[in-house]
Amino acid sequence: MSPVDPADAVGPVDSASPAPCLVLVMVGTDHHPFDRLVEWVDDWADGRPDDGVRVLLQHGRTRAPRIVPGRDFMPRAELDALLAEAEVVVSHGGPSTIMESRRRGVVPIVVARTVKLGEHVDDHQQRFAAAMAARGLIRLAEDRETLHRLLDEAVAEPMLVDEGGEDSDTGESALRLGRLVEELMAGRRPPGSGRPGVRRRLAGFPRKVAG
């Protein structure tokens, strides 16, 4: 796969031909670098044939990719449009980003940030992603080879959320809990969520999710 201008990654296509698969990669907005994910995606794209797959990588404050088209940040409306179009989503381990992908009907591939590589302040993404993967709500990639395999599989056959399955209620409960944890870790307590309130809210989640 050759380097592509960012505009080509999301531009119009010939209406007579099927729309090419869009792979949307998001590292989020955290100020810590996430070079690992950018490098893994670049390596995957560099080894692929020109088969019409489009990749767009939102790299935030991490260095721009060398192979795939990249954007640091984008307006919310544009991101929503890309999420609606994407057949494959690769995400960091932030609950909000995972939730947005699933709400659009796509089970995301997740590479969680880790503190030992200076990618975050702690390992809450690692713990959350592991819990989500155990419930089949995401596809977790903990190394380069696994990410490349999952990307190949998803491009060949995108994995969609089973709207009528077990993951509807359990998934939403887990994601709400993860979002609450993310807010608290960032020091953004929801209104009225002092310690007793937080305990009451956590008590409302299924034991297997809150544990």
N, C-alpha and C. Protein backbone atom coordinates (compact mmCIF):
# COMPACT_ATOMS: atom_id res chain seq x y z
N MET A 1 0.85 -1.18 0.00
CA MET A 1 0.00 0.00 0.00
C MET A 1 0.89 1.23 0.00
N SER A 2 0.68 2.09 -0.98
CA SER A 2 1.53 3.28 -1.12
C SER A 2 0.98 4.42 -0.28
N PRO A 3 1.87 5.41 0.04
CA PRO A 3 1.37 6.59 0.76
C PRO A 3 0.25 7.26 -0.02
N VAL A 4 -0.75 7.75 0.70
CA VAL A 4 -1.93 8.34 0.07
C VAL A 4 -2.17 9.69 0.69
N ASP A 5 -2.60 10.64 -0.13
CA ASP A 5 -2.97 11.94 0.41
C ASP A 5 -4.18 11.76 1.32
N PRO A 6 -4.22 12.48 2.48
CA PRO A 6 -5.36 12.32 3.39
C PRO A 6 -6.71 12.51 2.73
N ALA A 7 -6.78 13.40 1.76
CA ALA A 7 -8.07 13.63 1.10
C ALA A 7 -8.54 12.38 0.37
N ASP A 8 -7.61 11.59 -0.16
CA ASP A 8 -7.97 10.39 -0.87
C ASP A 8 -8.55 9.33 0.05
N ALA A 9 -8.21 9.39 1.33
CA ALA A 9 -8.68 8.37 2.26
C ALA A 9 -10.16 8.48 2.52
N VAL A 10 -10.70 9.66 2.36
CA VAL A 10 -12.12 9.87 2.66
C VAL A 10 -12.87 10.49 1.50
N GLY A 11 -12.23 10.56 0.36
CA GLY A 11 -12.83 11.24 -0.78
C GLY A 11 -13.88 10.41 -1.48
N PRO A 12 -14.54 10.99 -2.49
CA PRO A 12 -15.58 10.27 -3.22
C PRO A 12 -15.00 9.16 -4.07
N VAL A 13 -15.80 8.18 -4.38
CA VAL A 13 -15.37 7.08 -5.23
C VAL A 13 -16.34 6.94 -6.38
N ASP A 14 -15.94 6.21 -7.39
CA ASP A 14 -16.76 5.96 -8.57
C ASP A 14 -18.06 5.27 -8.14
N SER A 15 -19.19 5.88 -8.44
CA SER A 15 -20.47 5.32 -8.00
C SER A 15 -20.77 3.98 -8.66
N ALA A 16 -20.07 3.67 -9.78
CA ALA A 16 -20.30 2.42 -10.46
C ALA A 16 -19.59 1.26 -9.79
N SER A 17 -18.64 1.59 -8.89
CA SER A 17 -17.88 0.57 -8.21
C SER A 17 -18.26 0.52 -6.74
N PRO A 18 -18.13 -0.65 -6.12
CA PRO A 18 -18.41 -0.73 -4.67
C PRO A 18 -17.48 0.19 -3.90
N ALA A 19 -17.99 0.83 -2.85
CA ALA A 19 -17.15 1.70 -2.04
C ALA A 19 -16.07 0.87 -1.36
N PRO A 20 -14.81 1.31 -1.42
CA PRO A 20 -13.74 0.55 -0.77
C PRO A 20 -13.89 0.57 0.74
N CYS A 21 -13.37 -0.45 1.37
CA CYS A 21 -13.44 -0.56 2.83
C CYS A 21 -12.63 0.56 3.47
N LEU A 22 -13.22 1.24 4.45
CA LEU A 22 -12.52 2.27 5.19
C LEU A 22 -12.12 1.72 6.55
N VAL A 23 -10.83 1.79 6.85
CA VAL A 23 -10.28 1.43 8.15
C VAL A 23 -9.97 2.73 8.89
N LEU A 24 -10.68 2.99 9.97
CA LEU A 24 -10.48 4.21 10.76
C LEU A 24 -9.73 3.85 12.03
N VAL A 25 -8.58 4.51 12.24
CA VAL A 25 -7.74 4.25 13.41
C VAL A 25 -7.72 5.51 14.26
N MET A 26 -7.97 5.36 15.58
CA MET A 26 -8.04 6.51 16.47
C MET A 26 -7.18 6.29 17.70
N VAL A 27 -6.25 7.21 17.95
CA VAL A 27 -5.42 7.10 19.16
C VAL A 27 -5.98 7.95 20.29
N GLY A 28 -6.98 8.79 20.00
CA GLY A 28 -7.58 9.62 21.03
C GLY A 28 -6.89 10.97 21.17
N THR A 29 -7.18 11.64 22.29
CA THR A 29 -6.70 13.01 22.49
C THR A 29 -5.73 13.15 23.66
N ASP A 30 -5.39 12.03 24.31
CA ASP A 30 -4.46 12.10 25.44
C ASP A 30 -3.12 12.65 24.99
N HIS A 31 -2.44 13.39 25.89
CA HIS A 31 -1.19 14.03 25.51
C HIS A 31 0.00 13.08 25.46
N HIS A 32 -0.16 11.86 25.99
CA HIS A 32 0.93 10.90 25.93
C HIS A 32 1.07 10.34 24.51
N PRO A 33 2.28 10.12 24.04
CA PRO A 33 2.45 9.55 22.69
C PRO A 33 1.99 8.11 22.63
N PHE A 34 1.55 7.71 21.44
CA PHE A 34 1.12 6.33 21.21
C PHE A 34 1.76 5.85 19.91
N ASP A 35 3.10 6.00 19.85
CA ASP A 35 3.84 5.64 18.64
C ASP A 35 3.65 4.17 18.27
N ARG A 36 3.49 3.33 19.25
CA ARG A 36 3.37 1.89 19.02
C ARG A 36 2.22 1.58 18.06
N LEU A 37 1.05 2.14 18.31
CA LEU A 37 -0.09 1.87 17.44
C LEU A 37 0.13 2.43 16.04
N VAL A 38 0.67 3.63 15.95
CA VAL A 38 0.93 4.24 14.65
C VAL A 38 1.91 3.37 13.84
N GLU A 39 2.96 2.91 14.48
CA GLU A 39 3.95 2.08 13.79
C GLU A 39 3.35 0.76 13.33
N TRP A 40 2.52 0.14 14.18
CA TRP A 40 1.91 -1.15 13.82
C TRP A 40 0.98 -1.00 12.62
N VAL A 41 0.21 0.09 12.57
CA VAL A 41 -0.70 0.31 11.45
C VAL A 41 0.09 0.62 10.18
N ASP A 42 1.12 1.44 10.29
CA ASP A 42 1.97 1.73 9.14
C ASP A 42 2.57 0.45 8.57
N ASP A 43 3.08 -0.41 9.44
CA ASP A 43 3.69 -1.66 8.98
C ASP A 43 2.68 -2.55 8.28
N TRP A 44 1.46 -2.60 8.81
CA TRP A 44 0.41 -3.40 8.17
C TRP A 44 0.09 -2.85 6.78
N ALA A 45 -0.07 -1.54 6.69
CA ALA A 45 -0.43 -0.93 5.41
C ALA A 45 0.69 -1.08 4.39
N ASP A 46 1.94 -0.99 4.85
CA ASP A 46 3.09 -1.05 3.96
C ASP A 46 3.21 -2.43 3.31
N GLY A 47 2.72 -3.45 3.98
CA GLY A 47 2.84 -4.79 3.44
C GLY A 47 1.64 -5.27 2.65
N ARG A 48 0.63 -4.41 2.48
CA ARG A 48 -0.58 -4.83 1.79
C ARG A 48 -0.55 -4.48 0.31
N PRO A 49 -1.26 -5.27 -0.50
CA PRO A 49 -1.40 -4.92 -1.92
C PRO A 49 -2.35 -3.73 -2.05
N ASP A 50 -2.33 -3.09 -3.20
CA ASP A 50 -3.26 -1.99 -3.46
C ASP A 50 -4.61 -2.59 -3.82
N ASP A 51 -5.38 -2.95 -2.80
CA ASP A 51 -6.65 -3.64 -3.02
C ASP A 51 -7.86 -2.75 -2.77
N GLY A 52 -7.64 -1.45 -2.71
CA GLY A 52 -8.75 -0.52 -2.54
C GLY A 52 -9.09 -0.18 -1.12
N VAL A 53 -8.43 -0.83 -0.15
CA VAL A 53 -8.69 -0.52 1.26
C VAL A 53 -8.15 0.87 1.57
N ARG A 54 -8.96 1.68 2.19
CA ARG A 54 -8.55 3.03 2.60
C ARG A 54 -8.31 3.05 4.10
N VAL A 55 -7.28 3.75 4.51
CA VAL A 55 -6.95 3.87 5.93
C VAL A 55 -6.83 5.35 6.28
N LEU A 56 -7.41 5.75 7.39
CA LEU A 56 -7.21 7.09 7.93
C LEU A 56 -6.89 6.96 9.40
N LEU A 57 -5.79 7.57 9.83
CA LEU A 57 -5.33 7.44 11.20
C LEU A 57 -5.37 8.79 11.90
N GLN A 58 -6.19 8.88 12.94
CA GLN A 58 -6.23 10.07 13.79
C GLN A 58 -5.16 9.89 14.85
N HIS A 59 -4.09 10.71 14.75
CA HIS A 59 -2.91 10.45 15.59
C HIS A 59 -2.77 11.40 16.77
N GLY A 60 -3.68 12.37 16.92
CA GLY A 60 -3.62 13.23 18.10
C GLY A 60 -2.26 13.89 18.26
N ARG A 61 -1.69 13.75 19.46
CA ARG A 61 -0.40 14.36 19.74
C ARG A 61 0.77 13.41 19.47
N THR A 62 0.46 12.23 18.96
CA THR A 62 1.49 11.30 18.54
C THR A 62 2.00 11.72 17.17
N ARG A 63 3.21 11.32 16.83
CA ARG A 63 3.77 11.67 15.53
C ARG A 63 2.88 11.18 14.41
N ALA A 64 2.91 11.88 13.28
CA ALA A 64 2.09 11.49 12.14
C ALA A 64 2.61 10.19 11.53
N PRO A 65 1.72 9.38 10.94
CA PRO A 65 2.16 8.15 10.30
C PRO A 65 2.99 8.44 9.05
N ARG A 66 3.84 7.48 8.68
CA ARG A 66 4.69 7.66 7.51
C ARG A 66 4.09 7.06 6.24
N ILE A 67 3.14 6.11 6.40
CA ILE A 67 2.57 5.42 5.25
C ILE A 67 1.11 5.81 5.02
N VAL A 68 0.28 5.66 6.03
CA VAL A 68 -1.16 5.91 5.85
C VAL A 68 -1.46 7.39 6.03
N PRO A 69 -2.56 7.87 5.45
CA PRO A 69 -2.97 9.25 5.68
C PRO A 69 -3.27 9.49 7.15
N GLY A 70 -2.89 10.65 7.65
CA GLY A 70 -3.08 10.96 9.06
C GLY A 70 -3.68 12.32 9.29
N ARG A 71 -4.42 12.43 10.37
CA ARG A 71 -4.95 13.71 10.85
C ARG A 71 -4.70 13.77 12.34
N ASP A 72 -4.29 14.93 12.85
CA ASP A 72 -4.08 15.01 14.29
C ASP A 72 -5.41 15.00 15.04
N PHE A 73 -6.25 15.97 14.72
CA PHE A 73 -7.59 16.05 15.32
C PHE A 73 -8.58 16.39 14.23
N MET A 74 -9.85 16.17 14.49
CA MET A 74 -10.87 16.51 13.50
C MET A 74 -12.14 16.93 14.23
N PRO A 75 -12.96 17.78 13.58
CA PRO A 75 -14.21 18.21 14.20
C PRO A 75 -15.12 17.02 14.48
N ARG A 76 -15.96 17.17 15.50
CA ARG A 76 -16.83 16.08 15.91
C ARG A 76 -17.72 15.58 14.77
N ALA A 77 -18.26 16.51 13.99
CA ALA A 77 -19.15 16.11 12.91
C ALA A 77 -18.42 15.25 11.89
N GLU A 78 -17.18 15.61 11.61
CA GLU A 78 -16.40 14.83 10.64
C GLU A 78 -16.08 13.44 11.21
N LEU A 79 -15.73 13.39 12.48
CA LEU A 79 -15.43 12.10 13.10
C LEU A 79 -16.68 11.21 13.10
N ASP A 80 -17.84 11.78 13.40
CA ASP A 80 -19.08 11.01 13.38
C ASP A 80 -19.35 10.45 11.99
N ALA A 81 -19.10 11.26 10.96
CA ALA A 81 -19.32 10.80 9.59
C ALA A 81 -18.38 9.66 9.24
N LEU A 82 -17.14 9.76 9.68
CA LEU A 82 -16.16 8.70 9.41
C LEU A 82 -16.53 7.42 10.15
N LEU A 83 -16.99 7.54 11.39
CA LEU A 83 -17.42 6.37 12.15
C LEU A 83 -18.62 5.69 11.48
N ALA A 84 -19.50 6.48 10.90
CA ALA A 84 -20.66 5.93 10.22
C ALA A 84 -20.26 5.20 8.95
N GLU A 85 -19.16 5.63 8.33
CA GLU A 85 -18.71 5.04 7.07
C GLU A 85 -17.78 3.85 7.28
N ALA A 86 -17.01 3.88 8.36
CA ALA A 86 -15.96 2.88 8.54
C ALA A 86 -16.53 1.48 8.71
N GLU A 87 -15.92 0.52 8.03
CA GLU A 87 -16.26 -0.89 8.21
C GLU A 87 -15.35 -1.54 9.25
N VAL A 88 -14.20 -0.93 9.48
CA VAL A 88 -13.24 -1.44 10.45
C VAL A 88 -12.77 -0.26 11.31
N VAL A 89 -12.80 -0.43 12.63
CA VAL A 89 -12.33 0.61 13.54
C VAL A 89 -11.26 0.02 14.43
N VAL A 90 -10.13 0.73 14.51
CA VAL A 90 -9.06 0.39 15.45
C VAL A 90 -8.98 1.52 16.45
N SER A 91 -9.01 1.19 17.73
CA SER A 91 -9.12 2.21 18.77
C SER A 91 -8.12 1.97 19.89
N HIS A 92 -7.76 3.04 20.58
CA HIS A 92 -7.09 2.92 21.87
C HIS A 92 -8.12 2.36 22.85
N GLY A 93 -7.74 2.18 24.09
CA GLY A 93 -8.63 1.51 25.04
C GLY A 93 -9.57 2.40 25.81
N GLY A 94 -9.82 3.61 25.34
CA GLY A 94 -10.73 4.51 26.02
C GLY A 94 -12.17 4.06 25.88
N PRO A 95 -12.91 3.94 26.98
CA PRO A 95 -14.30 3.48 26.92
C PRO A 95 -15.19 4.31 26.00
N SER A 96 -15.02 5.62 25.99
CA SER A 96 -15.88 6.46 25.16
C SER A 96 -15.71 6.15 23.68
N THR A 97 -14.45 5.97 23.24
CA THR A 97 -14.19 5.68 21.84
C THR A 97 -14.73 4.31 21.47
N ILE A 98 -14.55 3.33 22.35
CA ILE A 98 -15.08 1.99 22.10
C ILE A 98 -16.60 2.04 22.00
N MET A 99 -17.24 2.79 22.89
CA MET A 99 -18.69 2.90 22.90
C MET A 99 -19.20 3.52 21.60
N GLU A 100 -18.53 4.56 21.12
CA GLU A 100 -18.97 5.21 19.89
C GLU A 100 -18.88 4.25 18.71
N SER A 101 -17.83 3.46 18.65
CA SER A 101 -17.68 2.49 17.58
C SER A 101 -18.80 1.47 17.62
N ARG A 102 -19.07 0.93 18.80
CA ARG A 102 -20.11 -0.10 18.93
C ARG A 102 -21.49 0.48 18.63
N ARG A 103 -21.73 1.71 19.00
CA ARG A 103 -23.02 2.32 18.70
C ARG A 103 -23.23 2.48 17.20
N ARG A 104 -22.12 2.56 16.46
CA ARG A 104 -22.20 2.62 15.00
C ARG A 104 -22.29 1.23 14.38
N GLY A 105 -22.29 0.20 15.23
CA GLY A 105 -22.50 -1.15 14.73
C GLY A 105 -21.26 -1.95 14.46
N VAL A 106 -20.07 -1.40 14.78
CA VAL A 106 -18.82 -2.09 14.50
C VAL A 106 -18.14 -2.51 15.80
N VAL A 107 -17.74 -3.77 15.88
CA VAL A 107 -16.95 -4.24 17.02
C VAL A 107 -15.51 -3.78 16.79
N PRO A 108 -14.97 -2.91 17.65
CA PRO A 108 -13.65 -2.36 17.38
C PRO A 108 -12.50 -3.31 17.71
N ILE A 109 -11.41 -3.13 16.99
CA ILE A 109 -10.13 -3.73 17.37
C ILE A 109 -9.46 -2.75 18.31
N VAL A 110 -9.04 -3.21 19.47
CA VAL A 110 -8.52 -2.31 20.50
C VAL A 110 -7.06 -2.62 20.82
N VAL A 111 -6.25 -1.56 20.82
CA VAL A 111 -4.88 -1.62 21.33
C VAL A 111 -4.84 -0.67 22.52
N ALA A 112 -4.75 -1.22 23.72
CA ALA A 112 -4.82 -0.40 24.93
C ALA A 112 -3.47 0.25 25.23
N ARG A 113 -3.53 1.49 25.66
CA ARG A 113 -2.31 2.18 26.11
C ARG A 113 -1.81 1.52 27.40
N THR A 114 -0.50 1.62 27.63
CA THR A 114 0.08 1.05 28.84
C THR A 114 1.05 2.03 29.47
N VAL A 115 1.08 2.04 30.79
CA VAL A 115 1.92 3.00 31.51
C VAL A 115 3.40 2.67 31.37
N LYS A 116 3.75 1.40 31.23
CA LYS A 116 5.17 1.03 31.19
C LYS A 116 5.88 1.55 29.94
N LEU A 117 5.11 1.89 28.91
CA LEU A 117 5.69 2.46 27.69
C LEU A 117 5.47 3.97 27.62
N GLY A 118 5.00 4.55 28.72
CA GLY A 118 4.77 5.99 28.76
C GLY A 118 3.58 6.45 27.93
N GLU A 119 2.61 5.54 27.74
CA GLU A 119 1.47 5.85 26.88
C GLU A 119 0.27 6.39 27.66
N HIS A 120 0.33 6.29 29.00
CA HIS A 120 -0.77 6.79 29.84
C HIS A 120 -0.28 6.92 31.27
N VAL A 121 -1.14 7.47 32.13
CA VAL A 121 -0.74 7.68 33.53
C VAL A 121 -0.90 6.41 34.36
N ASP A 122 -1.71 5.47 33.88
CA ASP A 122 -1.91 4.20 34.58
C ASP A 122 -2.40 3.17 33.57
N ASP A 123 -2.76 1.99 34.07
CA ASP A 123 -3.16 0.90 33.16
C ASP A 123 -4.65 0.62 33.17
N HIS A 124 -5.48 1.65 33.41
CA HIS A 124 -6.92 1.39 33.42
C HIS A 124 -7.41 0.97 32.03
N GLN A 125 -6.76 1.43 30.95
CA GLN A 125 -7.16 0.97 29.62
C GLN A 125 -6.87 -0.52 29.44
N GLN A 126 -5.73 -0.97 29.97
CA GLN A 126 -5.39 -2.39 29.88
C GLN A 126 -6.45 -3.24 30.59
N ARG A 127 -6.81 -2.84 31.81
CA ARG A 127 -7.78 -3.62 32.58
C ARG A 127 -9.16 -3.60 31.92
N PHE A 128 -9.58 -2.44 31.45
CA PHE A 128 -10.89 -2.32 30.83
C PHE A 128 -10.96 -3.13 29.53
N ALA A 129 -9.91 -3.01 28.72
CA ALA A 129 -9.89 -3.74 27.45
C ALA A 129 -9.90 -5.25 27.67
N ALA A 130 -9.17 -5.71 28.67
CA ALA A 130 -9.16 -7.15 28.97
C ALA A 130 -10.54 -7.63 29.37
N ALA A 131 -11.25 -6.84 30.18
CA ALA A 131 -12.60 -7.22 30.61
C ALA A 131 -13.57 -7.23 29.43
N MET A 132 -13.45 -6.26 28.55
CA MET A 132 -14.32 -6.20 27.38
C MET A 132 -14.04 -7.36 26.43
N ALA A 133 -12.76 -7.69 26.23
CA ALA A 133 -12.40 -8.80 25.34
C ALA A 133 -12.91 -10.12 25.89
N ALA A 134 -12.86 -10.29 27.21
CA ALA A 134 -13.34 -11.53 27.82
C ALA A 134 -14.83 -11.74 27.58
N ARG A 135 -15.56 -10.66 27.37
CA ARG A 135 -17.00 -10.75 27.11
C ARG A 135 -17.31 -10.73 25.62
N GLY A 136 -16.28 -10.72 24.78
CA GLY A 136 -16.48 -10.74 23.35
C GLY A 136 -16.99 -9.43 22.77
N LEU A 137 -16.79 -8.32 23.49
CA LEU A 137 -17.33 -7.03 23.07
C LEU A 137 -16.35 -6.22 22.24
N ILE A 138 -15.09 -6.61 22.24
CA ILE A 138 -14.07 -6.00 21.39
C ILE A 138 -13.16 -7.11 20.90
N ARG A 139 -12.28 -6.78 19.95
CA ARG A 139 -11.19 -7.66 19.57
C ARG A 139 -9.91 -7.00 20.07
N LEU A 140 -9.19 -7.68 20.93
CA LEU A 140 -8.03 -7.10 21.59
C LEU A 140 -6.75 -7.53 20.90
N ALA A 141 -5.89 -6.54 20.58
CA ALA A 141 -4.59 -6.79 19.98
C ALA A 141 -3.52 -6.32 20.95
N GLU A 142 -2.76 -7.28 21.48
CA GLU A 142 -1.73 -6.95 22.46
C GLU A 142 -0.34 -6.94 21.84
N ASP A 143 -0.23 -7.30 20.56
CA ASP A 143 1.07 -7.25 19.89
C ASP A 143 0.84 -6.95 18.41
N ARG A 144 1.94 -6.66 17.72
CA ARG A 144 1.88 -6.28 16.31
C ARG A 144 1.24 -7.38 15.44
N GLU A 145 1.68 -8.62 15.66
CA GLU A 145 1.20 -9.72 14.83
C GLU A 145 -0.31 -9.92 14.97
N THR A 146 -0.81 -9.81 16.21
CA THR A 146 -2.24 -9.98 16.42
C THR A 146 -3.03 -8.85 15.76
N LEU A 147 -2.54 -7.63 15.86
CA LEU A 147 -3.22 -6.52 15.20
C LEU A 147 -3.29 -6.75 13.70
N HIS A 148 -2.18 -7.16 13.10
CA HIS A 148 -2.16 -7.38 11.65
C HIS A 148 -3.14 -8.49 11.25
N ARG A 149 -3.18 -9.55 12.03
CA ARG A 149 -4.11 -10.64 11.73
C ARG A 149 -5.56 -10.18 11.85
N LEU A 150 -5.87 -9.46 12.92
CA LEU A 150 -7.24 -8.98 13.11
C LEU A 150 -7.64 -8.00 12.03
N LEU A 151 -6.72 -7.16 11.59
CA LEU A 151 -7.02 -6.23 10.50
C LEU A 151 -7.31 -6.98 9.21
N ASP A 152 -6.50 -7.97 8.91
CA ASP A 152 -6.73 -8.77 7.69
C ASP A 152 -8.10 -9.44 7.75
N GLU A 153 -8.44 -10.00 8.91
CA GLU A 153 -9.73 -10.68 9.06
C GLU A 153 -10.89 -9.69 8.94
N ALA A 154 -10.74 -8.51 9.55
CA ALA A 154 -11.83 -7.54 9.55
C ALA A 154 -12.04 -6.93 8.17
N VAL A 155 -10.96 -6.74 7.42
CA VAL A 155 -11.09 -6.22 6.06
C VAL A 155 -11.81 -7.24 5.18
N ALA A 156 -11.49 -8.52 5.38
CA ALA A 156 -12.13 -9.58 4.60
C ALA A 156 -13.59 -9.75 4.98
N GLU A 157 -13.89 -9.61 6.26
CA GLU A 157 -15.27 -9.78 6.75
C GLU A 157 -15.46 -8.95 8.01
N PRO A 158 -15.96 -7.71 7.86
CA PRO A 158 -16.14 -6.82 9.02
C PRO A 158 -16.99 -7.48 10.10
N MET A 159 -16.60 -7.27 11.37
CA MET A 159 -17.32 -7.85 12.49
C MET A 159 -18.27 -6.81 13.04
N LEU A 160 -19.56 -7.10 12.99
CA LEU A 160 -20.59 -6.15 13.39
C LEU A 160 -21.17 -6.53 14.74
N VAL A 161 -21.68 -5.53 15.45
CA VAL A 161 -22.32 -5.73 16.74
C VAL A 161 -23.59 -6.56 16.55
N ASP A 162 -23.76 -7.55 17.39
CA ASP A 162 -24.96 -8.38 17.38
C ASP A 162 -26.04 -7.66 18.18
N GLU A 163 -26.87 -6.90 17.48
CA GLU A 163 -27.84 -6.04 18.18
C GLU A 163 -28.86 -6.84 18.97
N GLY A 164 -29.13 -8.06 18.58
CA GLY A 164 -30.12 -8.84 19.30
C GLY A 164 -29.51 -9.84 20.25
N GLY A 165 -28.18 -9.79 20.39
CA GLY A 165 -27.49 -10.78 21.19
C GLY A 165 -27.23 -10.36 22.61
N GLU A 166 -26.44 -11.18 23.30
CA GLU A 166 -26.14 -10.96 24.72
C GLU A 166 -25.39 -9.67 24.95
N ASP A 167 -24.65 -9.22 23.95
CA ASP A 167 -23.81 -8.06 24.20
C ASP A 167 -24.57 -6.75 24.21
N SER A 168 -25.87 -6.74 23.91
CA SER A 168 -26.63 -5.50 23.92
C SER A 168 -26.67 -4.89 25.33
N ASP A 169 -27.20 -5.66 26.32
CA ASP A 169 -27.30 -5.15 27.68
C ASP A 169 -25.97 -5.18 28.41
N THR A 170 -25.27 -6.31 28.33
CA THR A 170 -24.00 -6.43 29.03
C THR A 170 -22.99 -5.43 28.49
N GLY A 171 -22.96 -5.27 27.18
CA GLY A 171 -22.02 -4.33 26.57
C GLY A 171 -22.27 -2.91 27.01
N GLU A 172 -23.52 -2.49 26.99
CA GLU A 172 -23.82 -1.13 27.40
C GLU A 172 -23.50 -0.92 28.88
N SER A 173 -23.75 -1.91 29.73
CA SER A 173 -23.43 -1.79 31.15
C SER A 173 -21.92 -1.64 31.34
N ALA A 174 -21.16 -2.48 30.65
CA ALA A 174 -19.70 -2.41 30.77
C ALA A 174 -19.17 -1.08 30.25
N LEU A 175 -19.73 -0.60 29.18
CA LEU A 175 -19.25 0.65 28.60
C LEU A 175 -19.60 1.84 29.49
N ARG A 176 -20.79 1.83 30.09
CA ARG A 176 -21.16 2.92 31.00
C ARG A 176 -20.22 2.93 32.21
N LEU A 177 -19.91 1.76 32.72
CA LEU A 177 -18.99 1.67 33.84
C LEU A 177 -17.61 2.18 33.44
N GLY A 178 -17.15 1.76 32.27
CA GLY A 178 -15.83 2.21 31.80
C GLY A 178 -15.77 3.71 31.62
N ARG A 179 -16.86 4.27 31.12
CA ARG A 179 -16.90 5.73 30.92
C ARG A 179 -16.85 6.45 32.26
N LEU A 180 -17.55 5.92 33.25
CA LEU A 180 -17.52 6.51 34.58
C LEU A 180 -16.11 6.47 35.15
N VAL A 181 -15.46 5.33 35.02
CA VAL A 181 -14.08 5.20 35.50
C VAL A 181 -13.18 6.20 34.79
N GLU A 182 -13.35 6.34 33.47
CA GLU A 182 -12.54 7.27 32.70
C GLU A 182 -12.74 8.70 33.18
N GLU A 183 -13.99 9.07 33.46
CA GLU A 183 -14.27 10.42 33.93
C GLU A 183 -13.63 10.67 35.29
N LEU A 184 -13.72 9.70 36.18
CA LEU A 184 -13.15 9.85 37.51
C LEU A 184 -11.62 9.91 37.46
N MET A 185 -11.02 9.09 36.58
CA MET A 185 -9.56 9.11 36.45
C MET A 185 -9.08 10.45 35.93
N ALA A 186 -9.90 11.08 35.08
CA ALA A 186 -9.53 12.38 34.52
C ALA A 186 -9.88 13.53 35.45
N GLY A 187 -10.45 13.22 36.61
CA GLY A 187 -10.80 14.27 37.56
C GLY A 187 -12.05 15.02 37.19
N ARG A 188 -12.89 14.40 36.31
CA ARG A 188 -14.13 15.05 35.89
C ARG A 188 -15.29 14.30 36.51
N ARG A 189 -15.54 14.48 37.79
CA ARG A 189 -16.65 13.78 38.43
C ARG A 189 -17.98 14.27 37.88
N PRO A 190 -18.86 13.35 37.51
CA PRO A 190 -20.19 13.77 37.07
C PRO A 190 -20.90 14.48 38.21
N PRO A 191 -21.86 15.36 37.89
CA PRO A 191 -22.58 16.10 38.94
C PRO A 191 -23.17 15.16 39.98
N GLY A 192 -22.94 15.51 41.26
CA GLY A 192 -23.51 14.75 42.35
C GLY A 192 -22.86 13.40 42.59
N SER A 193 -21.65 13.19 42.03
CA SER A 193 -21.03 11.87 42.18
C SER A 193 -19.89 11.91 43.17
N GLY A 194 -20.17 12.37 44.39
CA GLY A 194 -19.19 12.22 45.45
C GLY A 194 -18.99 10.74 45.74
N ARG A 195 -18.16 10.42 46.70
CA ARG A 195 -17.85 9.01 46.92
C ARG A 195 -19.08 8.14 47.18
N PRO A 196 -20.02 8.54 48.05
CA PRO A 196 -21.20 7.69 48.25
C PRO A 196 -22.00 7.51 46.98
N GLY A 197 -22.13 8.60 46.17
CA GLY A 197 -22.87 8.52 44.92
C GLY A 197 -22.21 7.58 43.94
N VAL A 198 -20.88 7.63 43.90
CA VAL A 198 -20.16 6.73 43.00
C VAL A 198 -20.41 5.29 43.40
N ARG A 199 -20.39 5.02 44.71
CA ARG A 199 -20.64 3.65 45.17
C ARG A 199 -22.04 3.20 44.78
N ARG A 200 -23.01 4.11 44.89
CA ARG A 200 -24.39 3.74 44.52
C ARG A 200 -24.48 3.46 43.03
N ARG A 201 -23.79 4.26 42.21
CA ARG A 201 -23.86 4.06 40.77
C ARG A 201 -23.16 2.75 40.39
N LEU A 202 -22.03 2.47 41.01
CA LEU A 202 -21.34 1.22 40.71
C LEU A 202 -22.18 0.03 41.14
N ALA A 203 -22.94 0.18 42.20
CA ALA A 203 -23.75 -0.94 42.70
C ALA A 203 -24.84 -1.30 41.72
N GLY A 204 -25.19 -0.39 40.81
CA GLY A 204 -26.24 -0.68 39.85
C GLY A 204 -25.80 -1.52 38.68
N PHE A 205 -24.50 -1.79 38.55
CA PHE A 205 -24.00 -2.58 37.45
C PHE A 205 -23.97 -4.04 37.82
N PRO A 206 -24.09 -4.93 36.81
CA PRO A 206 -23.99 -6.36 37.10
C PRO A 206 -22.67 -6.68 37.76
N ARG A 207 -22.66 -7.62 38.71
CA ARG A 207 -21.46 -7.94 39.47
C ARG A 207 -20.30 -8.33 38.56
N LYS A 208 -20.59 -9.07 37.50
CA LYS A 208 -19.49 -9.54 36.65
C LYS A 208 -18.87 -8.39 35.86
N VAL A 209 -19.60 -7.27 35.72
CA VAL A 209 -19.04 -6.12 35.03
C VAL A 209 -18.30 -5.22 36.00
N ALA A 210 -18.88 -4.98 37.17
CA ALA A 210 -18.29 -4.04 38.11
C ALA A 210 -17.12 -4.65 38.86
N GLY A 211 -16.97 -5.95 38.88
CA GLY A 211 -15.91 -6.58 39.65
C GLY A 211 -14.56 -6.46 39.04
